[in-house]
Amino acid sequence: MALLFASAPALRAQAAPPDTLRLTGMLPIALALGEGGEFRAPMARALIGGLITSTMLTLIVVPVAYSYFDDFGHWVKRKFVSEQRELEITAEQEISKLHHTMTGE
Protein backbone atom coordinates (compact mmCIF):
# COMPACT_ATOMS: atom_id res chain seq x y z
CA MET A 1 0.00 0.00 0.00
CA ALA A 2 2.89 2.37 0.74
CA LEU A 3 4.20 1.79 -2.78
CA LEU A 4 0.90 2.99 -4.20
CA PHE A 5 0.93 6.27 -2.31
CA ALA A 6 4.63 6.85 -2.96
CA SER A 7 4.33 6.47 -6.73
CA ALA A 8 1.01 8.26 -7.31
CA PRO A 9 2.36 11.85 -7.10
CA ALA A 10 5.20 11.01 -9.49
CA LEU A 11 2.77 9.54 -12.01
CA ARG A 12 0.45 12.50 -11.71
CA ALA A 13 3.32 14.97 -12.18
CA GLN A 14 4.50 13.20 -15.34
CA ALA A 15 1.08 12.79 -16.93
CA ALA A 16 -0.47 16.21 -16.27
CA PRO A 17 1.48 18.64 -18.54
CA PRO A 18 1.24 16.68 -21.83
CA ASP A 19 -2.42 15.83 -21.21
CA THR A 20 -3.24 19.43 -20.40
CA LEU A 21 -1.57 20.63 -23.59
CA ARG A 22 -3.44 18.07 -25.68
CA LEU A 23 -6.76 19.00 -24.09
CA THR A 24 -6.25 22.72 -24.60
CA GLY A 25 -5.15 22.10 -28.18
CA MET A 26 -8.28 20.07 -28.95
CA LEU A 27 -10.70 22.44 -27.24
CA PRO A 28 -11.12 24.96 -30.12
CA ILE A 29 -11.63 22.08 -32.54
CA ALA A 30 -14.18 20.40 -30.24
CA LEU A 31 -16.12 23.65 -29.95
CA ALA A 32 -16.28 23.81 -33.77
CA LEU A 33 -14.65 27.21 -33.96
CA GLY A 34 -13.45 28.36 -37.34
CA GLU A 35 -14.06 27.24 -40.87
CA GLY A 36 -14.92 23.55 -41.28
CA GLY A 37 -15.14 23.09 -37.52
CA GLU A 38 -18.37 21.12 -37.72
CA PHE A 39 -16.56 18.44 -39.69
CA ARG A 40 -13.68 17.98 -37.21
CA ALA A 41 -15.56 18.54 -33.92
CA PRO A 42 -16.77 14.92 -33.39
CA MET A 43 -13.24 13.54 -33.70
CA ALA A 44 -11.88 16.15 -31.28
CA ARG A 45 -14.61 15.31 -28.76
CA ALA A 46 -13.79 11.62 -29.07
CA LEU A 47 -10.09 12.34 -28.54
CA ILE A 48 -10.79 14.48 -25.47
CA GLY A 49 -13.06 11.80 -24.00
CA GLY A 50 -10.50 9.08 -24.64
CA LEU A 51 -7.70 11.13 -23.15
CA ILE A 52 -9.69 11.84 -19.99
CA THR A 53 -10.77 8.20 -19.71
CA SER A 54 -7.27 6.81 -20.15
CA THR A 55 -5.86 9.30 -17.66
CA MET A 56 -8.44 8.33 -15.04
CA LEU A 57 -7.80 4.63 -15.66
CA THR A 58 -4.05 5.13 -15.32
CA LEU A 59 -4.05 7.38 -12.26
CA ILE A 60 -7.02 6.03 -10.30
CA VAL A 61 -8.47 2.69 -11.41
CA VAL A 62 -5.25 0.72 -11.98
CA PRO A 63 -3.58 1.68 -8.66
CA VAL A 64 -6.80 0.99 -6.72
CA ALA A 65 -7.22 -2.40 -8.40
CA TYR A 66 -3.57 -3.21 -7.68
CA SER A 67 -4.09 -2.30 -4.03
CA TYR A 68 -7.15 -4.55 -3.77
CA PHE A 69 -5.38 -7.51 -5.39
CA ASP A 70 -2.32 -6.98 -3.19
CA ASP A 71 -4.48 -6.91 -0.04
CA PHE A 72 -6.33 -10.03 -1.24
CA GLY A 73 -3.02 -11.82 -1.80
CA HIS A 74 -1.89 -10.99 1.73
CA TRP A 75 -5.25 -12.21 3.09
CA VAL A 76 -4.93 -15.51 1.21
CA LYS A 77 -1.39 -15.93 2.46
CA ARG A 78 -2.44 -15.34 6.08
CA LYS A 79 -5.46 -17.62 5.72
CA PHE A 80 -3.93 -20.62 3.97
CA VAL A 81 -0.19 -20.61 4.67
CA SER A 82 0.95 -21.82 8.08
CA GLU A 83 3.50 -19.85 10.08
CA GLN A 84 6.02 -22.69 9.74
CA ARG A 85 5.71 -22.72 5.95
CA GLU A 86 5.95 -18.92 5.85
CA LEU A 87 9.24 -19.09 7.77
CA GLU A 88 10.50 -21.73 5.32
CA ILE A 89 9.55 -19.55 2.34
CA THR A 90 11.29 -16.52 3.90
CA ALA A 91 14.44 -18.58 4.55
CA GLU A 92 14.41 -19.88 0.95
CA GLN A 93 14.09 -16.33 -0.37
CA GLU A 94 17.00 -15.14 1.76
CA ILE A 95 19.18 -18.04 0.55
CA SER A 96 18.23 -17.25 -3.04
CA LYS A 97 19.12 -13.55 -2.58
CA LEU A 98 22.45 -14.50 -1.03
CA HIS A 99 23.18 -16.93 -3.88
CA HIS A 100 22.38 -14.27 -6.51
CA THR A 101 24.55 -11.74 -4.68
CA MET A 102 27.51 -14.09 -4.48
CA THR A 103 27.30 -15.43 -8.05
CA GLY A 104 26.22 -12.20 -9.73
CA GLU A 105 23.32 -13.87 -11.51
PDB file of N, CA and C in Angstrom:
ATOM      1  N   MET A   1       0.824  -1.181   0.000  1.00  0.00           N
ATOM      2  CA  MET A   1       0.000   0.000   0.000  1.00  0.00           C
ATOM      3  C   MET A   1       0.871   1.249   0.000  1.00  0.00           C
ATOM      4  N   ALA A   2       2.002   1.220   0.709  1.00  0.00           N
ATOM      5  CA  ALA A   2       2.885   2.374   0.743  1.00  0.00           C
ATOM      6  C   ALA A   2       3.449   2.674  -0.642  1.00  0.00           C
ATOM      7  N   LEU A   3       3.696   1.615  -1.423  1.00  0.00           N
ATOM      8  CA  LEU A   3       4.199   1.791  -2.784  1.00  0.00           C
ATOM      9  C   LEU A   3       3.212   2.589  -3.622  1.00  0.00           C
ATOM     10  N   LEU A   4       1.942   2.301  -3.450  1.00  0.00           N
ATOM     11  CA  LEU A   4       0.901   2.989  -4.201  1.00  0.00           C
ATOM     12  C   LEU A   4       0.924   4.486  -3.924  1.00  0.00           C
ATOM     13  N   PHE A   5       0.969   4.868  -2.657  1.00  0.00           N
ATOM     14  CA  PHE A   5       0.932   6.273  -2.315  1.00  0.00           C
ATOM     15  C   PHE A   5       2.247   6.971  -2.642  1.00  0.00           C
ATOM     16  N   ALA A   6       3.342   6.243  -2.630  1.00  0.00           N
ATOM     17  CA  ALA A   6       4.634   6.846  -2.958  1.00  0.00           C
ATOM     18  C   ALA A   6       4.747   7.145  -4.443  1.00  0.00           C
ATOM     19  N   SER A   7       4.163   6.295  -5.293  1.00  0.00           N
ATOM     20  CA  SER A   7       4.331   6.469  -6.733  1.00  0.00           C
ATOM     21  C   SER A   7       3.249   7.335  -7.367  1.00  0.00           C
ATOM     22  N   ALA A   8       2.116   7.507  -6.713  1.00  0.00           N
ATOM     23  CA  ALA A   8       1.007   8.256  -7.312  1.00  0.00           C
ATOM     24  C   ALA A   8       1.373   9.706  -7.635  1.00  0.00           C
ATOM     25  N   PRO A   9       2.015  10.466  -6.733  1.00  0.00           N
ATOM     26  CA  PRO A   9       2.359  11.849  -7.104  1.00  0.00           C
ATOM     27  C   PRO A   9       3.319  11.931  -8.281  1.00  0.00           C
ATOM     28  N   ALA A  10       4.252  10.998  -8.371  1.00  0.00           N
ATOM     29  CA  ALA A  10       5.198  11.011  -9.489  1.00  0.00           C
ATOM     30  C   ALA A  10       4.469  10.760 -10.801  1.00  0.00           C
ATOM     31  N   LEU A  11       3.532   9.819 -10.800  1.00  0.00           N
ATOM     32  CA  LEU A  11       2.766   9.542 -12.015  1.00  0.00           C
ATOM     33  C   LEU A  11       1.927  10.756 -12.404  1.00  0.00           C
ATOM     34  N   ARG A  12       1.299  11.359 -11.428  1.00  0.00           N
ATOM     35  CA  ARG A  12       0.450  12.502 -11.705  1.00  0.00           C
ATOM     36  C   ARG A  12       1.278  13.657 -12.263  1.00  0.00           C
ATOM     37  N   ALA A  13       2.472  13.872 -11.722  1.00  0.00           N
ATOM     38  CA  ALA A  13       3.324  14.968 -12.179  1.00  0.00           C
ATOM     39  C   ALA A  13       3.805  14.735 -13.608  1.00  0.00           C
ATOM     40  N   GLN A  14       4.033  13.494 -13.988  1.00  0.00           N
ATOM     41  CA  GLN A  14       4.503  13.201 -15.338  1.00  0.00           C
ATOM     42  C   GLN A  14       3.379  13.265 -16.356  1.00  0.00           C
ATOM     43  N   ALA A  15       2.173  12.892 -15.968  1.00  0.00           N
ATOM     44  CA  ALA A  15       1.083  12.793 -16.926  1.00  0.00           C
ATOM     45  C   ALA A  15       0.368  14.125 -17.152  1.00  0.00           C
ATOM     46  N   ALA A  16       0.367  15.009 -16.194  1.00  0.00           N
ATOM     47  CA  ALA A  16      -0.466  16.211 -16.267  1.00  0.00           C
ATOM     48  C   ALA A  16      -0.064  17.185 -17.377  1.00  0.00           C
ATOM     49  N   PRO A  17       1.180  17.618 -17.513  1.00  0.00           N
ATOM     50  CA  PRO A  17       1.480  18.635 -18.535  1.00  0.00           C
ATOM     51  C   PRO A  17       1.164  18.215 -19.978  1.00  0.00           C
ATOM     52  N   PRO A  18       1.580  17.025 -20.443  1.00  0.00           N
ATOM     53  CA  PRO A  18       1.238  16.681 -21.834  1.00  0.00           C
ATOM     54  C   PRO A  18      -0.261  16.544 -22.053  1.00  0.00           C
ATOM     55  N   ASP A  19      -0.977  15.982 -21.067  1.00  0.00           N
ATOM     56  CA  ASP A  19      -2.421  15.831 -21.214  1.00  0.00           C
ATOM     57  C   ASP A  19      -3.104  17.188 -21.256  1.00  0.00           C
ATOM     58  N   THR A  20      -2.654  18.097 -20.426  1.00  0.00           N
ATOM     59  CA  THR A  20      -3.244  19.431 -20.398  1.00  0.00           C
ATOM     60  C   THR A  20      -3.028  20.139 -21.733  1.00  0.00           C
ATOM     61  N   LEU A  21      -1.845  20.003 -22.300  1.00  0.00           N
ATOM     62  CA  LEU A  21      -1.572  20.632 -23.595  1.00  0.00           C
ATOM     63  C   LEU A  21      -2.442  20.031 -24.693  1.00  0.00           C
ATOM     64  N   ARG A  22      -2.603  18.707 -24.657  1.00  0.00           N
ATOM     65  CA  ARG A  22      -3.442  18.075 -25.679  1.00  0.00           C
ATOM     66  C   ARG A  22      -4.893  18.523 -25.541  1.00  0.00           C
ATOM     67  N   LEU A  23      -5.375  18.588 -24.296  1.00  0.00           N
ATOM     68  CA  LEU A  23      -6.761  19.004 -24.090  1.00  0.00           C
ATOM     69  C   LEU A  23      -6.985  20.439 -24.553  1.00  0.00           C
ATOM     70  N   THR A  24      -6.070  21.323 -24.193  1.00  0.00           N
ATOM     71  CA  THR A  24      -6.250  22.722 -24.601  1.00  0.00           C
ATOM     72  C   THR A  24      -6.098  22.872 -26.110  1.00  0.00           C
ATOM     73  N   GLY A  25      -5.299  22.046 -26.734  1.00  0.00           N
ATOM     74  CA  GLY A  25      -5.152  22.099 -28.181  1.00  0.00           C
ATOM     75  C   GLY A  25      -6.384  21.596 -28.909  1.00  0.00           C
ATOM     76  N   MET A  26      -7.087  20.631 -28.321  1.00  0.00           N
ATOM     77  CA  MET A  26      -8.279  20.070 -28.952  1.00  0.00           C
ATOM     78  C   MET A  26      -9.547  20.868 -28.658  1.00  0.00           C
ATOM     79  N   LEU A  27      -9.495  21.705 -27.644  1.00  0.00           N
ATOM     80  CA  LEU A  27     -10.700  22.439 -27.239  1.00  0.00           C
ATOM     81  C   LEU A  27     -11.291  23.323 -28.342  1.00  0.00           C
ATOM     82  N   PRO A  28     -10.514  24.148 -29.045  1.00  0.00           N
ATOM     83  CA  PRO A  28     -11.117  24.955 -30.121  1.00  0.00           C
ATOM     84  C   PRO A  28     -11.726  24.095 -31.234  1.00  0.00           C
ATOM     85  N   ILE A  29     -11.097  22.966 -31.509  1.00  0.00           N
ATOM     86  CA  ILE A  29     -11.632  22.077 -32.544  1.00  0.00           C
ATOM     87  C   ILE A  29     -12.939  21.451 -32.066  1.00  0.00           C
ATOM     88  N   ALA A  30     -12.975  21.021 -30.779  1.00  0.00           N
ATOM     89  CA  ALA A  30     -14.182  20.398 -30.239  1.00  0.00           C
ATOM     90  C   ALA A  30     -15.347  21.369 -30.176  1.00  0.00           C
ATOM     91  N   LEU A  31     -15.057  22.642 -30.001  1.00  0.00           N
ATOM     92  CA  LEU A  31     -16.121  23.648 -29.955  1.00  0.00           C
ATOM     93  C   LEU A  31     -16.556  24.098 -31.348  1.00  0.00           C
ATOM     94  N   ALA A  32     -15.945  23.526 -32.376  1.00  0.00           N
ATOM     95  CA  ALA A  32     -16.281  23.808 -33.774  1.00  0.00           C
ATOM     96  C   ALA A  32     -16.068  25.275 -34.122  1.00  0.00           C
ATOM     97  N   LEU A  33     -14.989  25.825 -33.623  1.00  0.00           N
ATOM     98  CA  LEU A  33     -14.652  27.211 -33.956  1.00  0.00           C
ATOM     99  C   LEU A  33     -13.901  27.234 -35.288  1.00  0.00           C
ATOM    100  N   GLY A  34     -14.162  28.206 -36.076  1.00  0.00           N
ATOM    101  CA  GLY A  34     -13.453  28.359 -37.338  1.00  0.00           C
ATOM    102  C   GLY A  34     -14.128  27.645 -38.487  1.00  0.00           C
ATOM    103  N   GLU A  35     -13.506  27.803 -39.644  1.00  0.00           N
ATOM    104  CA  GLU A  35     -14.061  27.241 -40.869  1.00  0.00           C
ATOM    105  C   GLU A  35     -13.895  25.727 -40.895  1.00  0.00           C
ATOM    106  N   GLY A  36     -14.952  25.003 -41.209  1.00  0.00           N
ATOM    107  CA  GLY A  36     -14.915  23.547 -41.275  1.00  0.00           C
ATOM    108  C   GLY A  36     -14.880  22.879 -39.911  1.00  0.00           C
ATOM    109  N   GLY A  37     -15.182  23.624 -38.874  1.00  0.00           N
ATOM    110  CA  GLY A  37     -15.136  23.093 -37.521  1.00  0.00           C
ATOM    111  C   GLY A  37     -16.176  22.019 -37.255  1.00  0.00           C
ATOM    112  N   GLU A  38     -17.315  22.111 -37.925  1.00  0.00           N
ATOM    113  CA  GLU A  38     -18.374  21.118 -37.719  1.00  0.00           C
ATOM    114  C   GLU A  38     -17.921  19.730 -38.169  1.00  0.00           C
ATOM    115  N   PHE A  39     -17.035  19.706 -39.142  1.00  0.00           N
ATOM    116  CA  PHE A  39     -16.560  18.436 -39.689  1.00  0.00           C
ATOM    117  C   PHE A  39     -15.579  17.752 -38.737  1.00  0.00           C
ATOM    118  N   ARG A  40     -14.728  18.539 -38.068  1.00  0.00           N
ATOM    119  CA  ARG A  40     -13.682  17.982 -37.206  1.00  0.00           C
ATOM    120  C   ARG A  40     -14.090  17.862 -35.742  1.00  0.00           C
ATOM    121  N   ALA A  41     -15.160  18.507 -35.329  1.00  0.00           N
ATOM    122  CA  ALA A  41     -15.560  18.543 -33.920  1.00  0.00           C
ATOM    123  C   ALA A  41     -15.821  17.161 -33.323  1.00  0.00           C
ATOM    124  N   PRO A  42     -16.528  16.237 -34.008  1.00  0.00           N
ATOM    125  CA  PRO A  42     -16.772  14.925 -33.388  1.00  0.00           C
ATOM    126  C   PRO A  42     -15.483  14.157 -33.076  1.00  0.00           C
ATOM    127  N   MET A  43     -14.507  14.237 -33.952  1.00  0.00           N
ATOM    128  CA  MET A  43     -13.242  13.545 -33.697  1.00  0.00           C
ATOM    129  C   MET A  43     -12.514  14.164 -32.511  1.00  0.00           C
ATOM    130  N   ALA A  44     -12.533  15.480 -32.410  1.00  0.00           N
ATOM    131  CA  ALA A  44     -11.882  16.150 -31.285  1.00  0.00           C
ATOM    132  C   ALA A  44     -12.558  15.786 -29.974  1.00  0.00           C
ATOM    133  N   ARG A  45     -13.883  15.707 -29.981  1.00  0.00           N
ATOM    134  CA  ARG A  45     -14.607  15.313 -28.764  1.00  0.00           C
ATOM    135  C   ARG A  45     -14.270  13.877 -28.374  1.00  0.00           C
ATOM    136  N   ALA A  46     -14.160  12.998 -29.361  1.00  0.00           N
ATOM    137  CA  ALA A  46     -13.790  11.615 -29.072  1.00  0.00           C
ATOM    138  C   ALA A  46     -12.374  11.536 -28.502  1.00  0.00           C
ATOM    139  N   LEU A  47     -11.460  12.318 -29.054  1.00  0.00           N
ATOM    140  CA  LEU A  47     -10.088  12.337 -28.542  1.00  0.00           C
ATOM    141  C   LEU A  47     -10.026  12.869 -27.111  1.00  0.00           C
ATOM    142  N   ILE A  48     -10.769  13.925 -26.820  1.00  0.00           N
ATOM    143  CA  ILE A  48     -10.789  14.477 -25.469  1.00  0.00           C
ATOM    144  C   ILE A  48     -11.369  13.463 -24.491  1.00  0.00           C
ATOM    145  N   GLY A  49     -12.463  12.814 -24.864  1.00  0.00           N
ATOM    146  CA  GLY A  49     -13.062  11.799 -23.998  1.00  0.00           C
ATOM    147  C   GLY A  49     -12.126  10.629 -23.758  1.00  0.00           C
ATOM    148  N   GLY A  50     -11.449  10.182 -24.795  1.00  0.00           N
ATOM    149  CA  GLY A  50     -10.497   9.080 -24.640  1.00  0.00           C
ATOM    150  C   GLY A  50      -9.308   9.448 -23.785  1.00  0.00           C
ATOM    151  N   LEU A  51      -8.830  10.660 -23.943  1.00  0.00           N
ATOM    152  CA  LEU A  51      -7.699  11.129 -23.149  1.00  0.00           C
ATOM    153  C   LEU A  51      -8.068  11.220 -21.670  1.00  0.00           C
ATOM    154  N   ILE A  52      -9.241  11.754 -21.383  1.00  0.00           N
ATOM    155  CA  ILE A  52      -9.694  11.839 -19.990  1.00  0.00           C
ATOM    156  C   ILE A  52      -9.906  10.443 -19.414  1.00  0.00           C
ATOM    157  N   THR A  53     -10.524   9.562 -20.187  1.00  0.00           N
ATOM    158  CA  THR A  53     -10.768   8.198 -19.707  1.00  0.00           C
ATOM    159  C   THR A  53      -9.467   7.460 -19.441  1.00  0.00           C
ATOM    160  N   SER A  54      -8.526   7.523 -20.358  1.00  0.00           N
ATOM    161  CA  SER A  54      -7.268   6.806 -20.152  1.00  0.00           C
ATOM    162  C   SER A  54      -6.472   7.383 -18.990  1.00  0.00           C
ATOM    163  N   THR A  55      -6.545   8.686 -18.793  1.00  0.00           N
ATOM    164  CA  THR A  55      -5.857   9.303 -17.660  1.00  0.00           C
ATOM    165  C   THR A  55      -6.462   8.839 -16.346  1.00  0.00           C
ATOM    166  N   MET A  56      -7.779   8.799 -16.265  1.00  0.00           N
ATOM    167  CA  MET A  56      -8.437   8.334 -15.039  1.00  0.00           C
ATOM    168  C   MET A  56      -8.138   6.859 -14.777  1.00  0.00           C
ATOM    169  N   LEU A  57      -8.137   6.049 -15.835  1.00  0.00           N
ATOM    170  CA  LEU A  57      -7.796   4.634 -15.655  1.00  0.00           C
ATOM    171  C   LEU A  57      -6.374   4.480 -15.137  1.00  0.00           C
ATOM    172  N   THR A  58      -5.453   5.254 -15.706  1.00  0.00           N
ATOM    173  CA  THR A  58      -4.054   5.133 -15.321  1.00  0.00           C
ATOM    174  C   THR A  58      -3.800   5.634 -13.911  1.00  0.00           C
ATOM    175  N   LEU A  59      -4.378   6.758 -13.546  1.00  0.00           N
ATOM    176  CA  LEU A  59      -4.054   7.378 -12.263  1.00  0.00           C
ATOM    177  C   LEU A  59      -4.936   6.932 -11.109  1.00  0.00           C
ATOM    178  N   ILE A  60      -6.121   6.389 -11.389  1.00  0.00           N
ATOM    179  CA  ILE A  60      -7.023   6.026 -10.300  1.00  0.00           C
ATOM    180  C   ILE A  60      -7.372   4.543 -10.311  1.00  0.00           C
ATOM    181  N   VAL A  61      -7.930   4.045 -11.388  1.00  0.00           N
ATOM    182  CA  VAL A  61      -8.468   2.689 -11.409  1.00  0.00           C
ATOM    183  C   VAL A  61      -7.375   1.632 -11.271  1.00  0.00           C
ATOM    184  N   VAL A  62      -6.303   1.731 -12.023  1.00  0.00           N
ATOM    185  CA  VAL A  62      -5.246   0.717 -11.979  1.00  0.00           C
ATOM    186  C   VAL A  62      -4.576   0.659 -10.605  1.00  0.00           C
ATOM    187  N   PRO A  63      -4.171   1.786  -9.995  1.00  0.00           N
ATOM    188  CA  PRO A  63      -3.580   1.683  -8.657  1.00  0.00           C
ATOM    189  C   PRO A  63      -4.547   1.134  -7.605  1.00  0.00           C
ATOM    190  N   VAL A  64      -5.825   1.504  -7.684  1.00  0.00           N
ATOM    191  CA  VAL A  64      -6.798   0.994  -6.719  1.00  0.00           C
ATOM    192  C   VAL A  64      -6.978  -0.508  -6.902  1.00  0.00           C
ATOM    193  N   ALA A  65      -7.090  -0.966  -8.146  1.00  0.00           N
ATOM    194  CA  ALA A  65      -7.218  -2.403  -8.403  1.00  0.00           C
ATOM    195  C   ALA A  65      -5.974  -3.145  -7.916  1.00  0.00           C
ATOM    196  N   TYR A  66      -4.801  -2.585  -8.161  1.00  0.00           N
ATOM    197  CA  TYR A  66      -3.569  -3.208  -7.684  1.00  0.00           C
ATOM    198  C   TYR A  66      -3.586  -3.327  -6.162  1.00  0.00           C
ATOM    199  N   SER A  67      -4.030  -2.284  -5.490  1.00  0.00           N
ATOM    200  CA  SER A  67      -4.093  -2.300  -4.034  1.00  0.00           C
ATOM    201  C   SER A  67      -5.035  -3.387  -3.534  1.00  0.00           C
ATOM    202  N   TYR A  68      -6.208  -3.510  -4.174  1.00  0.00           N
ATOM    203  CA  TYR A  68      -7.154  -4.554  -3.769  1.00  0.00           C
ATOM    204  C   TYR A  68      -6.578  -5.949  -3.983  1.00  0.00           C
ATOM    205  N   PHE A  69      -5.961  -6.189  -5.130  1.00  0.00           N
ATOM    206  CA  PHE A  69      -5.381  -7.507  -5.393  1.00  0.00           C
ATOM    207  C   PHE A  69      -4.219  -7.807  -4.451  1.00  0.00           C
ATOM    208  N   ASP A  70      -3.427  -6.798  -4.131  1.00  0.00           N
ATOM    209  CA  ASP A  70      -2.320  -6.984  -3.195  1.00  0.00           C
ATOM    210  C   ASP A  70      -2.852  -7.333  -1.804  1.00  0.00           C
ATOM    211  N   ASP A  71      -3.868  -6.606  -1.343  1.00  0.00           N
ATOM    212  CA  ASP A  71      -4.478  -6.913  -0.044  1.00  0.00           C
ATOM    213  C   ASP A  71      -5.097  -8.307  -0.043  1.00  0.00           C
ATOM    214  N   PHE A  72      -5.738  -8.690  -1.140  1.00  0.00           N
ATOM    215  CA  PHE A  72      -6.332 -10.028  -1.239  1.00  0.00           C
ATOM    216  C   PHE A  72      -5.252 -11.106  -1.180  1.00  0.00           C
ATOM    217  N   GLY A  73      -4.120 -10.859  -1.838  1.00  0.00           N
ATOM    218  CA  GLY A  73      -3.015 -11.815  -1.797  1.00  0.00           C
ATOM    219  C   GLY A  73      -2.471 -11.997  -0.390  1.00  0.00           C
ATOM    220  N   HIS A  74      -2.350 -10.893   0.343  1.00  0.00           N
ATOM    221  CA  HIS A  74      -1.893 -10.989   1.729  1.00  0.00           C
ATOM    222  C   HIS A  74      -2.907 -11.733   2.594  1.00  0.00           C
ATOM    223  N   TRP A  75      -4.198 -11.509   2.345  1.00  0.00           N
ATOM    224  CA  TRP A  75      -5.245 -12.206   3.091  1.00  0.00           C
ATOM    225  C   TRP A  75      -5.182 -13.712   2.835  1.00  0.00           C
ATOM    226  N   VAL A  76      -5.026 -14.090   1.560  1.00  0.00           N
ATOM    227  CA  VAL A  76      -4.930 -15.514   1.205  1.00  0.00           C
ATOM    228  C   VAL A  76      -3.709 -16.135   1.865  1.00  0.00           C
ATOM    229  N   LYS A  77      -2.609 -15.420   1.857  1.00  0.00           N
ATOM    230  CA  LYS A  77      -1.385 -15.929   2.463  1.00  0.00           C
ATOM    231  C   LYS A  77      -1.581 -16.152   3.964  1.00  0.00           C
ATOM    232  N   ARG A  78      -2.197 -15.186   4.645  1.00  0.00           N
ATOM    233  CA  ARG A  78      -2.441 -15.344   6.079  1.00  0.00           C
ATOM    234  C   ARG A  78      -3.411 -16.483   6.362  1.00  0.00           C
ATOM    235  N   LYS A  79      -4.398 -16.639   5.486  1.00  0.00           N
ATOM    236  CA  LYS A  79      -5.463 -17.618   5.724  1.00  0.00           C
ATOM    237  C   LYS A  79      -5.007 -19.049   5.455  1.00  0.00           C
ATOM    238  N   PHE A  80      -4.204 -19.255   4.417  1.00  0.00           N
ATOM    239  CA  PHE A  80      -3.934 -20.616   3.966  1.00  0.00           C
ATOM    240  C   PHE A  80      -2.496 -21.090   4.141  1.00  0.00           C
ATOM    241  N   VAL A  81      -1.579 -20.201   4.498  1.00  0.00           N
ATOM    242  CA  VAL A  81      -0.190 -20.609   4.675  1.00  0.00           C
ATOM    243  C   VAL A  81       0.123 -20.598   6.167  1.00  0.00           C
ATOM    244  N   SER A  82       0.633 -21.730   6.663  1.00  0.00           N
ATOM    245  CA  SER A  82       0.950 -21.817   8.083  1.00  0.00           C
ATOM    246  C   SER A  82       2.182 -20.970   8.401  1.00  0.00           C
ATOM    247  N   GLU A  83       2.355 -20.662   9.673  1.00  0.00           N
ATOM    248  CA  GLU A  83       3.501 -19.851  10.082  1.00  0.00           C
ATOM    249  C   GLU A  83       4.805 -20.583   9.799  1.00  0.00           C
ATOM    250  N   GLN A  84       4.809 -21.905   9.999  1.00  0.00           N
ATOM    251  CA  GLN A  84       6.016 -22.693   9.744  1.00  0.00           C
ATOM    252  C   GLN A  84       6.405 -22.613   8.268  1.00  0.00           C
ATOM    253  N   ARG A  85       5.437 -22.782   7.383  1.00  0.00           N
ATOM    254  CA  ARG A  85       5.710 -22.717   5.954  1.00  0.00           C
ATOM    255  C   ARG A  85       6.141 -21.302   5.553  1.00  0.00           C
ATOM    256  N   GLU A  86       5.559 -20.286   6.155  1.00  0.00           N
ATOM    257  CA  GLU A  86       5.947 -18.915   5.845  1.00  0.00           C
ATOM    258  C   GLU A  86       7.410 -18.666   6.235  1.00  0.00           C
ATOM    259  N   LEU A  87       7.835 -19.208   7.370  1.00  0.00           N
ATOM    260  CA  LEU A  87       9.236 -19.092   7.771  1.00  0.00           C
ATOM    261  C   LEU A  87      10.146 -19.822   6.789  1.00  0.00           C
ATOM    262  N   GLU A  88       9.711 -20.984   6.305  1.00  0.00           N
ATOM    263  CA  GLU A  88      10.497 -21.731   5.317  1.00  0.00           C
ATOM    264  C   GLU A  88      10.622 -20.930   4.013  1.00  0.00           C
ATOM    265  N   ILE A  89       9.531 -20.334   3.581  1.00  0.00           N
ATOM    266  CA  ILE A  89       9.546 -19.546   2.344  1.00  0.00           C
ATOM    267  C   ILE A  89      10.491 -18.350   2.506  1.00  0.00           C
ATOM    268  N   THR A  90      10.416 -17.668   3.649  1.00  0.00           N
ATOM    269  CA  THR A  90      11.289 -16.523   3.903  1.00  0.00           C
ATOM    270  C   THR A  90      12.753 -16.946   3.892  1.00  0.00           C
ATOM    271  N   ALA A  91      13.061 -18.092   4.519  1.00  0.00           N
ATOM    272  CA  ALA A  91      14.443 -18.584   4.548  1.00  0.00           C
ATOM    273  C   ALA A  91      14.923 -18.922   3.135  1.00  0.00           C
ATOM    274  N   GLU A  92      14.052 -19.545   2.327  1.00  0.00           N
ATOM    275  CA  GLU A  92      14.412 -19.879   0.947  1.00  0.00           C
ATOM    276  C   GLU A  92      14.681 -18.612   0.128  1.00  0.00           C
ATOM    277  N   GLN A  93      13.885 -17.583   0.349  1.00  0.00           N
ATOM    278  CA  GLN A  93      14.087 -16.327  -0.372  1.00  0.00           C
ATOM    279  C   GLN A  93      15.404 -15.672   0.026  1.00  0.00           C
ATOM    280  N   GLU A  94      15.742 -15.714   1.302  1.00  0.00           N
ATOM    281  CA  GLU A  94      17.003 -15.138   1.761  1.00  0.00           C
ATOM    282  C   GLU A  94      18.194 -15.893   1.170  1.00  0.00           C
ATOM    283  N   ILE A  95      18.101 -17.225   1.132  1.00  0.00           N
ATOM    284  CA  ILE A  95      19.176 -18.039   0.552  1.00  0.00           C
ATOM    285  C   ILE A  95      19.320 -17.718  -0.937  1.00  0.00           C
ATOM    286  N   SER A  96      18.196 -17.568  -1.618  1.00  0.00           N
ATOM    287  CA  SER A  96      18.227 -17.249  -3.043  1.00  0.00           C
ATOM    288  C   SER A  96      18.869 -15.878  -3.286  1.00  0.00           C
ATOM    289  N   LYS A  97      18.518 -14.883  -2.454  1.00  0.00           N
ATOM    290  CA  LYS A  97      19.118 -13.547  -2.584  1.00  0.00           C
ATOM    291  C   LYS A  97      20.626 -13.617  -2.353  1.00  0.00           C
ATOM    292  N   LEU A  98      21.032 -14.373  -1.341  1.00  0.00           N
ATOM    293  CA  LEU A  98      22.449 -14.503  -1.033  1.00  0.00           C
ATOM    294  C   LEU A  98      23.183 -15.179  -2.188  1.00  0.00           C
ATOM    295  N   HIS A  99      22.576 -16.224  -2.758  1.00  0.00           N
ATOM    296  CA  HIS A  99      23.175 -16.926  -3.881  1.00  0.00           C
ATOM    297  C   HIS A  99      23.355 -15.984  -5.084  1.00  0.00           C
ATOM    298  N   HIS A 100      22.313 -15.204  -5.373  1.00  0.00           N
ATOM    299  CA  HIS A 100      22.383 -14.275  -6.508  1.00  0.00           C
ATOM    300  C   HIS A 100      23.427 -13.175  -6.265  1.00  0.00           C
ATOM    301  N   THR A 101      23.558 -12.760  -5.018  1.00  0.00           N
ATOM    302  CA  THR A 101      24.551 -11.739  -4.685  1.00  0.00           C
ATOM    303  C   THR A 101      25.957 -12.274  -4.859  1.00  0.00           C
ATOM    304  N   MET A 102      26.179 -13.520  -4.434  1.00  0.00           N
ATOM    305  CA  MET A 102      27.515 -14.091  -4.482  1.00  0.00           C
ATOM    306  C   MET A 102      27.915 -14.486  -5.910  1.00  0.00           C
ATOM    307  N   THR A 103      26.964 -14.967  -6.703  1.00  0.00           N
ATOM    308  CA  THR A 103      27.296 -15.433  -8.048  1.00  0.00           C
ATOM    309  C   THR A 103      27.135 -14.339  -9.106  1.00  0.00           C
ATOM    310  N   GLY A 104      26.421 -13.284  -8.774  1.00  0.00           N
ATOM    311  CA  GLY A 104      26.223 -12.199  -9.726  1.00  0.00           C
ATOM    312  C   GLY A 104      25.177 -12.521 -10.776  1.00  0.00           C
ATOM    313  N   GLU A 105      24.352 -13.499 -10.541  1.00  0.00           N
ATOM    314  CA  GLU A 105      23.316 -13.872 -11.513  1.00  0.00           C
ATOM    315  C   GLU A 105      22.085 -13.035 -11.323  1.00  0.00           C
TER     316      GLU A 105
END
